[in-house]
Amino acid sequence: MASLTEQRIILTGATGGIGSELAKQLLLHNCKLGLVGRSEDKLEQLISQLKGEKGQVIAIAADITLPEGRKKIVEQMKTAFDGHDMLINTAGLMDFTSFVEQTDERIEAVFATNVIAPMQLCKKVLPYMLEQNKGHIINIGSTFGSIGFAWFTSYSTTKFALRGFSQALRRELAETDIKISYIAPRAVKTSLNSSAVYNMAEQVKMNMDTPEKVAKNIVHSIIKEHKEKYLGFPESLFVRINAILPGVVDKATRSQNKLSKKFIQ
């Protein structure tokens, strides 16, 4: 079991629903936190909300999809905390739409944010971790990364890719003391969801967790050093069924997919 005390942590997507709650939960463990987001104003608002918490916090306004943004993150962590021990990738984009209607530009943006940027940021932080022979990278995925959901085709595909990347990198670094975790919540009540998603979720009785609950579970999994963790039941069971018998899940979701189609944008 790991301790988060004094850990130097990079948190991307810090101003999002899960990210902001994660920041609060992590600071309870007296860590040193680099909050990463595109909006400097939103980062400053978050830091104001975190005043009085334990630990130390800096704001890093950077676009993780750009090389200069990733470079800035590592440099500012070096300046503030003399390096980094942990990276938590939470930044993400999601669309609820017909794949045929989704624009080429949007598909590329979803992949850039959800897959390419986390991979490139991992690549950027790993040399320091390898030099120290210690570190922990946590990629926040989704149940949608193990069960492909209709009308979330691009999003599901990116989370499948992030899961595969996490698994492959973990095996590549097996002879080191660097840990790679993939933690997958079920649906979460955040601004990532449009009103159409909430309307659909209500109709199909989709389980949705609060960001606070998810953040607490993520921190618990980090401390427990889980390699892969699926949050929420029965979704965690469906993940295993889909891996073995995807045809069963095809049939089980058919009526839900038809109902969901009425709400797509």
C-alpha atoms as a PDB file:
ATOM      1  CA  MET A   1       0.000   0.000   0.000  1.00  0.00           C
ATOM      2  CA  ALA A   2       1.378   3.386  -1.041  1.00  0.00           C
ATOM      3  CA  SER A   3       1.462   6.682   0.820  1.00  0.00           C
ATOM      4  CA  LEU A   4       0.564   9.915  -0.973  1.00  0.00           C
ATOM      5  CA  THR A   5       2.218  12.123   1.635  1.00  0.00           C
ATOM      6  CA  GLU A   6       4.695  14.525   0.001  1.00  0.00           C
ATOM      7  CA  GLN A   7       4.125  12.908  -3.404  1.00  0.00           C
ATOM      8  CA  ARG A   8       4.644  15.342  -6.295  1.00  0.00           C
ATOM      9  CA  ILE A   9       1.588  14.808  -8.495  1.00  0.00           C
ATOM     10  CA  ILE A  10       0.659  16.097 -11.958  1.00  0.00           C
ATOM     11  CA  LEU A  11      -3.133  16.161 -12.363  1.00  0.00           C
ATOM     12  CA  THR A  12      -4.464  16.884 -15.857  1.00  0.00           C
ATOM     13  CA  GLY A  13      -8.058  17.892 -16.453  1.00  0.00           C
ATOM     14  CA  ALA A  14      -7.908  19.459 -13.005  1.00  0.00           C
ATOM     15  CA  THR A  15     -10.805  21.876 -13.508  1.00  0.00           C
ATOM     16  CA  GLY A  16     -13.204  19.161 -14.683  1.00  0.00           C
ATOM     17  CA  GLY A  17     -15.753  17.406 -12.492  1.00  0.00           C
ATOM     18  CA  ILE A  18     -13.585  14.446 -11.550  1.00  0.00           C
ATOM     19  CA  GLY A  19     -10.358  16.452 -11.624  1.00  0.00           C
ATOM     20  CA  SER A  20     -11.468  19.137  -9.170  1.00  0.00           C
ATOM     21  CA  GLU A  21     -12.776  16.531  -6.724  1.00  0.00           C
ATOM     22  CA  LEU A  22      -9.570  14.536  -7.103  1.00  0.00           C
ATOM     23  CA  ALA A  23      -7.581  17.640  -6.205  1.00  0.00           C
ATOM     24  CA  LYS A  24      -9.538  17.963  -2.947  1.00  0.00           C
ATOM     25  CA  GLN A  25      -9.108  14.281  -2.077  1.00  0.00           C
ATOM     26  CA  LEU A  26      -5.397  14.224  -2.904  1.00  0.00           C
ATOM     27  CA  LEU A  27      -4.646  17.265  -0.763  1.00  0.00           C
ATOM     28  CA  LEU A  28      -6.090  15.459   2.245  1.00  0.00           C
ATOM     29  CA  HIS A  29      -2.946  13.339   1.998  1.00  0.00           C
ATOM     30  CA  ASN A  30      -0.609  16.361   2.144  1.00  0.00           C
ATOM     31  CA  CYS A  31       0.799  15.977  -1.362  1.00  0.00           C
ATOM     32  CA  LYS A  32       2.386  18.491  -3.739  1.00  0.00           C
ATOM     33  CA  LEU A  33      -0.047  19.027  -6.573  1.00  0.00           C
ATOM     34  CA  GLY A  34       0.408  20.509 -10.041  1.00  0.00           C
ATOM     35  CA  LEU A  35      -3.065  21.322 -11.390  1.00  0.00           C
ATOM     36  CA  VAL A  36      -3.109  21.263 -15.189  1.00  0.00           C
ATOM     37  CA  GLY A  37      -5.816  22.834 -17.336  1.00  0.00           C
ATOM     38  CA  ARG A  38      -6.183  25.054 -20.386  1.00  0.00           C
ATOM     39  CA  SER A  39      -7.931  27.934 -18.611  1.00  0.00           C
ATOM     40  CA  GLU A  40      -5.824  29.991 -16.241  1.00  0.00           C
ATOM     41  CA  ASP A  41      -8.964  31.631 -14.812  1.00  0.00           C
ATOM     42  CA  LYS A  42     -10.577  28.276 -13.989  1.00  0.00           C
ATOM     43  CA  LEU A  43      -7.355  27.040 -12.407  1.00  0.00           C
ATOM     44  CA  GLU A  44      -7.144  30.116 -10.197  1.00  0.00           C
ATOM     45  CA  GLN A  45     -10.790  29.648  -9.172  1.00  0.00           C
ATOM     46  CA  LEU A  46     -10.044  26.047  -8.219  1.00  0.00           C
ATOM     47  CA  ILE A  47      -6.987  27.036  -6.215  1.00  0.00           C
ATOM     48  CA  SER A  48      -9.118  29.592  -4.344  1.00  0.00           C
ATOM     49  CA  GLN A  49     -11.551  26.800  -3.453  1.00  0.00           C
ATOM     50  CA  LEU A  50      -8.670  24.662  -2.198  1.00  0.00           C
ATOM     51  CA  LYS A  51      -7.291  27.294   0.190  1.00  0.00           C
ATOM     52  CA  GLY A  52      -6.969  25.927   3.691  1.00  0.00           C
ATOM     53  CA  GLU A  53      -6.398  22.370   2.505  1.00  0.00           C
ATOM     54  CA  LYS A  54      -3.235  20.469   3.353  1.00  0.00           C
ATOM     55  CA  GLY A  55      -0.391  20.109   0.890  1.00  0.00           C
ATOM     56  CA  GLN A  56       0.953  22.482  -1.725  1.00  0.00           C
ATOM     57  CA  VAL A  57      -0.658  23.490  -5.009  1.00  0.00           C
ATOM     58  CA  ILE A  58       0.464  25.214  -8.195  1.00  0.00           C
ATOM     59  CA  ALA A  59      -1.545  26.064 -11.323  1.00  0.00           C
ATOM     60  CA  ILE A  60      -0.110  25.020 -14.686  1.00  0.00           C
ATOM     61  CA  ALA A  61      -2.060  26.549 -17.577  1.00  0.00           C
ATOM     62  CA  ALA A  62      -1.115  24.302 -20.487  1.00  0.00           C
ATOM     63  CA  ASP A  63      -2.629  22.510 -23.468  1.00  0.00           C
ATOM     64  CA  ILE A  64      -1.606  18.857 -23.133  1.00  0.00           C
ATOM     65  CA  THR A  65      -2.260  18.241 -26.839  1.00  0.00           C
ATOM     66  CA  LEU A  66       0.687  20.499 -27.731  1.00  0.00           C
ATOM     67  CA  PRO A  67       4.412  19.685 -27.270  1.00  0.00           C
ATOM     68  CA  GLU A  68       5.062  23.083 -25.685  1.00  0.00           C
ATOM     69  CA  GLY A  69       2.221  22.471 -23.222  1.00  0.00           C
ATOM     70  CA  ARG A  70       3.656  19.135 -22.111  1.00  0.00           C
ATOM     71  CA  LYS A  71       7.119  20.661 -21.813  1.00  0.00           C
ATOM     72  CA  LYS A  72       5.728  23.472 -19.657  1.00  0.00           C
ATOM     73  CA  ILE A  73       4.148  20.964 -17.257  1.00  0.00           C
ATOM     74  CA  VAL A  74       7.408  19.141 -16.606  1.00  0.00           C
ATOM     75  CA  GLU A  75       9.388  22.377 -16.310  1.00  0.00           C
ATOM     76  CA  GLN A  76       6.983  23.980 -13.834  1.00  0.00           C
ATOM     77  CA  MET A  77       6.918  20.839 -11.677  1.00  0.00           C
ATOM     78  CA  LYS A  78      10.719  20.908 -11.674  1.00  0.00           C
ATOM     79  CA  THR A  79      10.762  24.569 -10.644  1.00  0.00           C
ATOM     80  CA  ALA A  80       8.123  24.236  -7.937  1.00  0.00           C
ATOM     81  CA  PHE A  81       8.770  20.763  -6.547  1.00  0.00           C
ATOM     82  CA  ASP A  82      12.104  19.667  -8.044  1.00  0.00           C
ATOM     83  CA  GLY A  83      10.394  16.984 -10.149  1.00  0.00           C
ATOM     84  CA  HIS A  84       7.401  14.660 -10.173  1.00  0.00           C
ATOM     85  CA  ASP A  85       6.462  11.290  -8.703  1.00  0.00           C
ATOM     86  CA  MET A  86       3.021  10.710 -10.175  1.00  0.00           C
ATOM     87  CA  LEU A  87       0.929  11.572 -13.220  1.00  0.00           C
ATOM     88  CA  ILE A  88      -2.868  11.279 -13.210  1.00  0.00           C
ATOM     89  CA  ASN A  89      -4.432  11.659 -16.657  1.00  0.00           C
ATOM     90  CA  THR A  90      -8.072  12.727 -16.298  1.00  0.00           C
ATOM     91  CA  ALA A  91      -8.512  15.196 -19.173  1.00  0.00           C
ATOM     92  CA  GLY A  92     -11.051  14.051 -21.750  1.00  0.00           C
ATOM     93  CA  LEU A  93     -13.628  14.859 -24.434  1.00  0.00           C
ATOM     94  CA  MET A  94     -16.867  13.011 -25.150  1.00  0.00           C
ATOM     95  CA  ASP A  95     -19.595  13.133 -27.797  1.00  0.00           C
ATOM     96  CA  PHE A  96     -23.020  11.498 -27.752  1.00  0.00           C
ATOM     97  CA  THR A  97     -23.845  11.319 -31.447  1.00  0.00           C
ATOM     98  CA  SER A  98     -24.125   9.192 -34.552  1.00  0.00           C
ATOM     99  CA  PHE A  99     -20.643   8.234 -35.742  1.00  0.00           C
ATOM    100  CA  VAL A 100     -21.624   9.046 -39.340  1.00  0.00           C
ATOM    101  CA  GLU A 101     -22.684  12.559 -38.313  1.00  0.00           C
ATOM    102  CA  GLN A 102     -19.587  13.282 -36.239  1.00  0.00           C
ATOM    103  CA  THR A 103     -17.180  15.605 -38.063  1.00  0.00           C
ATOM    104  CA  ASP A 104     -13.675  14.506 -38.996  1.00  0.00           C
ATOM    105  CA  GLU A 105     -12.281  17.394 -36.973  1.00  0.00           C
ATOM    106  CA  ARG A 106     -14.172  16.355 -33.858  1.00  0.00           C
ATOM    107  CA  ILE A 107     -13.064  12.734 -34.138  1.00  0.00           C
ATOM    108  CA  GLU A 108      -9.456  13.915 -34.355  1.00  0.00           C
ATOM    109  CA  ALA A 109      -9.941  16.235 -31.363  1.00  0.00           C
ATOM    110  CA  VAL A 110     -11.388  13.427 -29.228  1.00  0.00           C
ATOM    111  CA  PHE A 111      -8.451  11.168 -30.091  1.00  0.00           C
ATOM    112  CA  ALA A 112      -5.919  13.964 -29.553  1.00  0.00           C
ATOM    113  CA  THR A 113      -7.209  14.684 -26.042  1.00  0.00           C
ATOM    114  CA  ASN A 114      -8.151  11.185 -24.879  1.00  0.00           C
ATOM    115  CA  VAL A 115      -5.329   9.093 -26.365  1.00  0.00           C
ATOM    116  CA  ILE A 116      -2.443  10.924 -28.020  1.00  0.00           C
ATOM    117  CA  ALA A 117      -1.984  13.583 -25.329  1.00  0.00           C
ATOM    118  CA  PRO A 118      -1.923  11.123 -22.389  1.00  0.00           C
ATOM    119  CA  MET A 119       0.518   8.889 -24.268  1.00  0.00           C
ATOM    120  CA  GLN A 120       2.800  11.795 -25.137  1.00  0.00           C
ATOM    121  CA  LEU A 121       2.639  13.175 -21.601  1.00  0.00           C
ATOM    122  CA  CYS A 122       3.555   9.749 -20.212  1.00  0.00           C
ATOM    123  CA  LYS A 123       6.514   9.742 -22.583  1.00  0.00           C
ATOM    124  CA  LYS A 124       7.500  13.185 -21.307  1.00  0.00           C
ATOM    125  CA  VAL A 125       7.411  12.297 -17.594  1.00  0.00           C
ATOM    126  CA  LEU A 126       8.972   8.830 -17.873  1.00  0.00           C
ATOM    127  CA  PRO A 127      12.661   9.795 -18.303  1.00  0.00           C
ATOM    128  CA  TYR A 128      12.701  11.408 -14.845  1.00  0.00           C
ATOM    129  CA  MET A 129      10.840   8.462 -13.325  1.00  0.00           C
ATOM    130  CA  LEU A 130      13.233   6.013 -14.949  1.00  0.00           C
ATOM    131  CA  GLU A 131      16.202   7.980 -13.673  1.00  0.00           C
ATOM    132  CA  GLN A 132      14.763   7.808 -10.134  1.00  0.00           C
ATOM    133  CA  ASN A 133      13.474   4.257 -10.752  1.00  0.00           C
ATOM    134  CA  LYS A 134      10.190   5.144  -9.100  1.00  0.00           C
ATOM    135  CA  GLY A 135       6.896   6.658 -10.120  1.00  0.00           C
ATOM    136  CA  HIS A 136       3.243   5.981 -10.750  1.00  0.00           C
ATOM    137  CA  ILE A 137       1.163   6.795 -13.826  1.00  0.00           C
ATOM    138  CA  ILE A 138      -2.619   6.573 -13.498  1.00  0.00           C
ATOM    139  CA  ASN A 139      -4.789   6.723 -16.614  1.00  0.00           C
ATOM    140  CA  ILE A 140      -8.462   7.387 -15.923  1.00  0.00           C
ATOM    141  CA  GLY A 141     -10.537   5.373 -18.371  1.00  0.00           C
ATOM    142  CA  SER A 142     -14.175   4.362 -18.442  1.00  0.00           C
ATOM    143  CA  THR A 143     -16.476   1.368 -18.494  1.00  0.00           C
ATOM    144  CA  PHE A 144     -16.936   2.519 -22.110  1.00  0.00           C
ATOM    145  CA  GLY A 145     -13.320   1.437 -22.654  1.00  0.00           C
ATOM    146  CA  SER A 146     -14.279  -2.200 -22.095  1.00  0.00           C
ATOM    147  CA  ILE A 147     -17.834  -2.198 -23.452  1.00  0.00           C
ATOM    148  CA  GLY A 148     -18.337  -0.394 -26.751  1.00  0.00           C
ATOM    149  CA  PHE A 149     -21.459   1.744 -26.434  1.00  0.00           C
ATOM    150  CA  ALA A 150     -23.565   2.802 -29.409  1.00  0.00           C
ATOM    151  CA  TRP A 151     -23.680   6.563 -30.022  1.00  0.00           C
ATOM    152  CA  PHE A 152     -20.444   6.975 -28.026  1.00  0.00           C
ATOM    153  CA  THR A 153     -18.360   5.286 -30.718  1.00  0.00           C
ATOM    154  CA  SER A 154     -15.362   7.643 -30.842  1.00  0.00           C
ATOM    155  CA  TYR A 155     -15.272   8.083 -27.069  1.00  0.00           C
ATOM    156  CA  SER A 156     -15.465   4.322 -26.460  1.00  0.00           C
ATOM    157  CA  THR A 157     -12.712   3.711 -28.998  1.00  0.00           C
ATOM    158  CA  THR A 158     -10.370   6.179 -27.308  1.00  0.00           C
ATOM    159  CA  LYS A 159     -10.928   4.576 -23.914  1.00  0.00           C
ATOM    160  CA  PHE A 160     -10.280   1.114 -25.381  1.00  0.00           C
ATOM    161  CA  ALA A 161      -7.003   2.546 -26.711  1.00  0.00           C
ATOM    162  CA  LEU A 162      -6.078   4.103 -23.362  1.00  0.00           C
ATOM    163  CA  ARG A 163      -6.713   0.786 -21.623  1.00  0.00           C
ATOM    164  CA  GLY A 164      -4.524  -1.061 -24.137  1.00  0.00           C
ATOM    165  CA  PHE A 165      -1.776   1.530 -23.806  1.00  0.00           C
ATOM    166  CA  SER A 166      -1.838   1.261 -20.005  1.00  0.00           C
ATOM    167  CA  GLN A 167      -1.621  -2.526 -20.144  1.00  0.00           C
ATOM    168  CA  ALA A 168       1.207  -2.579 -22.700  1.00  0.00           C
ATOM    169  CA  LEU A 169       3.238   0.099 -20.898  1.00  0.00           C
ATOM    170  CA  ARG A 170       2.799  -1.673 -17.555  1.00  0.00           C
ATOM    171  CA  ARG A 171       4.276  -4.822 -19.060  1.00  0.00           C
ATOM    172  CA  GLU A 172       7.080  -2.884 -20.742  1.00  0.00           C
ATOM    173  CA  LEU A 173       8.073  -1.388 -17.372  1.00  0.00           C
ATOM    174  CA  ALA A 174       7.579  -4.594 -15.368  1.00  0.00           C
ATOM    175  CA  GLU A 175      11.275  -4.803 -14.446  1.00  0.00           C
ATOM    176  CA  THR A 176      11.267  -1.292 -12.964  1.00  0.00           C
ATOM    177  CA  ASP A 177       9.639   0.229  -9.873  1.00  0.00           C
ATOM    178  CA  ILE A 178       7.357   2.396 -12.017  1.00  0.00           C
ATOM    179  CA  LYS A 179       3.690   1.489 -11.679  1.00  0.00           C
ATOM    180  CA  ILE A 180       1.008   1.927 -14.345  1.00  0.00           C
ATOM    181  CA  SER A 181      -2.671   1.891 -13.373  1.00  0.00           C
ATOM    182  CA  TYR A 182      -5.862   2.037 -15.398  1.00  0.00           C
ATOM    183  CA  ILE A 183      -8.932   3.050 -13.382  1.00  0.00           C
ATOM    184  CA  ALA A 184     -12.326   2.966 -15.084  1.00  0.00           C
ATOM    185  CA  PRO A 185     -15.400   4.614 -13.540  1.00  0.00           C
ATOM    186  CA  ARG A 186     -18.904   4.016 -14.866  1.00  0.00           C
ATOM    187  CA  ALA A 187     -20.915   7.076 -15.970  1.00  0.00           C
ATOM    188  CA  VAL A 188     -20.232  10.178 -13.858  1.00  0.00           C
ATOM    189  CA  LYS A 189     -22.354  13.286 -13.314  1.00  0.00           C
ATOM    190  CA  THR A 190     -20.078  15.959 -14.793  1.00  0.00           C
ATOM    191  CA  SER A 191     -20.236  18.778 -17.331  1.00  0.00           C
ATOM    192  CA  LEU A 192     -18.698  16.369 -19.850  1.00  0.00           C
ATOM    193  CA  ASN A 193     -22.265  15.136 -20.343  1.00  0.00           C
ATOM    194  CA  SER A 194     -24.735  17.126 -22.399  1.00  0.00           C
ATOM    195  CA  SER A 195     -28.386  17.533 -21.426  1.00  0.00           C
ATOM    196  CA  ALA A 196     -29.166  14.896 -24.064  1.00  0.00           C
ATOM    197  CA  VAL A 197     -26.946  12.404 -22.229  1.00  0.00           C
ATOM    198  CA  TYR A 198     -28.754  13.071 -18.953  1.00  0.00           C
ATOM    199  CA  ASN A 199     -32.154  12.688 -20.614  1.00  0.00           C
ATOM    200  CA  MET A 200     -31.068   9.434 -22.214  1.00  0.00           C
ATOM    201  CA  ALA A 201     -29.537   8.153 -18.973  1.00  0.00           C
ATOM    202  CA  GLU A 202     -32.805   8.777 -17.143  1.00  0.00           C
ATOM    203  CA  GLN A 203     -34.820   6.909 -19.751  1.00  0.00           C
ATOM    204  CA  VAL A 204     -32.556   3.838 -19.903  1.00  0.00           C
ATOM    205  CA  LYS A 205     -31.936   3.913 -16.125  1.00  0.00           C
ATOM    206  CA  MET A 206     -28.180   4.302 -16.519  1.00  0.00           C
ATOM    207  CA  ASN A 207     -26.277   4.339 -13.208  1.00  0.00           C
ATOM    208  CA  MET A 208     -24.329   7.563 -12.681  1.00  0.00           C
ATOM    209  CA  ASP A 209     -21.995   8.373  -9.794  1.00  0.00           C
ATOM    210  CA  THR A 210     -21.094  11.743  -8.296  1.00  0.00           C
ATOM    211  CA  PRO A 211     -17.601  13.120  -8.986  1.00  0.00           C
ATOM    212  CA  GLU A 212     -16.900  13.101  -5.247  1.00  0.00           C
ATOM    213  CA  LYS A 213     -17.632   9.380  -4.934  1.00  0.00           C
ATOM    214  CA  VAL A 214     -15.539   8.578  -7.996  1.00  0.00           C
ATOM    215  CA  ALA A 215     -12.612  10.705  -6.781  1.00  0.00           C
ATOM    216  CA  LYS A 216     -12.598   8.946  -3.417  1.00  0.00           C
ATOM    217  CA  ASN A 217     -12.580   5.558  -5.141  1.00  0.00           C
ATOM    218  CA  ILE A 218      -9.769   6.613  -7.477  1.00  0.00           C
ATOM    219  CA  VAL A 219      -7.597   7.763  -4.584  1.00  0.00           C
ATOM    220  CA  HIS A 220      -8.322   4.493  -2.766  1.00  0.00           C
ATOM    221  CA  SER A 221      -7.229   2.545  -5.853  1.00  0.00           C
ATOM    222  CA  ILE A 222      -4.046   4.613  -6.162  1.00  0.00           C
ATOM    223  CA  ILE A 223      -3.141   3.923  -2.544  1.00  0.00           C
ATOM    224  CA  LYS A 224      -3.901   0.217  -3.036  1.00  0.00           C
ATOM    225  CA  GLU A 225      -1.784   0.306  -6.221  1.00  0.00           C
ATOM    226  CA  HIS A 226      -4.435  -1.457  -8.292  1.00  0.00           C
ATOM    227  CA  LYS A 227      -3.187  -2.259 -11.784  1.00  0.00           C
ATOM    228  CA  GLU A 228      -6.699  -2.215 -13.245  1.00  0.00           C
ATOM    229  CA  LYS A 229      -9.833  -1.215 -11.393  1.00  0.00           C
ATOM    230  CA  TYR A 230     -13.428  -0.965 -12.611  1.00  0.00           C
ATOM    231  CA  LEU A 231     -15.671   1.193 -10.439  1.00  0.00           C
ATOM    232  CA  GLY A 232     -19.358   0.447  -9.967  1.00  0.00           C
ATOM    233  CA  PHE A 233     -21.508  -2.667  -9.882  1.00  0.00           C
ATOM    234  CA  PRO A 234     -23.034  -4.279 -11.955  1.00  0.00           C
ATOM    235  CA  GLU A 235     -21.021  -2.469 -14.659  1.00  0.00           C
ATOM    236  CA  SER A 236     -17.782  -4.081 -13.454  1.00  0.00           C
ATOM    237  CA  LEU A 237     -19.453  -7.479 -13.957  1.00  0.00           C
ATOM    238  CA  PHE A 238     -20.664  -6.549 -17.458  1.00  0.00           C
ATOM    239  CA  VAL A 239     -17.050  -5.694 -18.342  1.00  0.00           C
ATOM    240  CA  ARG A 240     -16.046  -9.292 -17.656  1.00  0.00           C
ATOM    241  CA  ILE A 241     -19.063 -10.741 -19.457  1.00  0.00           C
ATOM    242  CA  ASN A 242     -18.367  -8.583 -22.528  1.00  0.00           C
ATOM    243  CA  ALA A 243     -14.739  -9.765 -22.602  1.00  0.00           C
ATOM    244  CA  ILE A 244     -15.832 -13.408 -22.757  1.00  0.00           C
ATOM    245  CA  LEU A 245     -19.246 -13.290 -24.450  1.00  0.00           C
ATOM    246  CA  PRO A 246     -19.633 -10.059 -26.437  1.00  0.00           C
ATOM    247  CA  GLY A 247     -22.553 -11.523 -28.371  1.00  0.00           C
ATOM    248  CA  VAL A 248     -24.549 -11.743 -25.161  1.00  0.00           C
ATOM    249  CA  VAL A 249     -23.971  -8.045 -24.552  1.00  0.00           C
ATOM    250  CA  ASP A 250     -24.898  -7.268 -28.174  1.00  0.00           C
ATOM    251  CA  LYS A 251     -28.330  -8.755 -27.568  1.00  0.00           C
ATOM    252  CA  ALA A 252     -28.712  -7.297 -24.072  1.00  0.00           C
ATOM    253  CA  THR A 253     -28.057  -3.721 -25.239  1.00  0.00           C
ATOM    254  CA  ARG A 254     -30.116  -3.768 -28.451  1.00  0.00           C
ATOM    255  CA  SER A 255     -33.313  -2.335 -26.981  1.00  0.00           C
ATOM    256  CA  GLN A 256     -31.341   0.242 -24.960  1.00  0.00           C
ATOM    257  CA  ASN A 257     -29.522   1.351 -28.114  1.00  0.00           C
ATOM    258  CA  LYS A 258     -32.816   1.898 -29.934  1.00  0.00           C
ATOM    259  CA  LEU A 259     -34.145   4.000 -27.069  1.00  0.00           C
ATOM    260  CA  SER A 260     -30.894   5.957 -26.778  1.00  0.00           C
ATOM    261  CA  LYS A 261     -31.004   6.838 -30.486  1.00  0.00           C
ATOM    262  CA  LYS A 262     -33.987   9.108 -29.837  1.00  0.00           C
ATOM    263  CA  PHE A 263     -31.761  11.428 -27.783  1.00  0.00           C
ATOM    264  CA  ILE A 264     -28.606  11.685 -29.907  1.00  0.00           C
ATOM    265  CA  GLN A 265     -27.500  15.104 -31.063  1.00  0.00           C
END
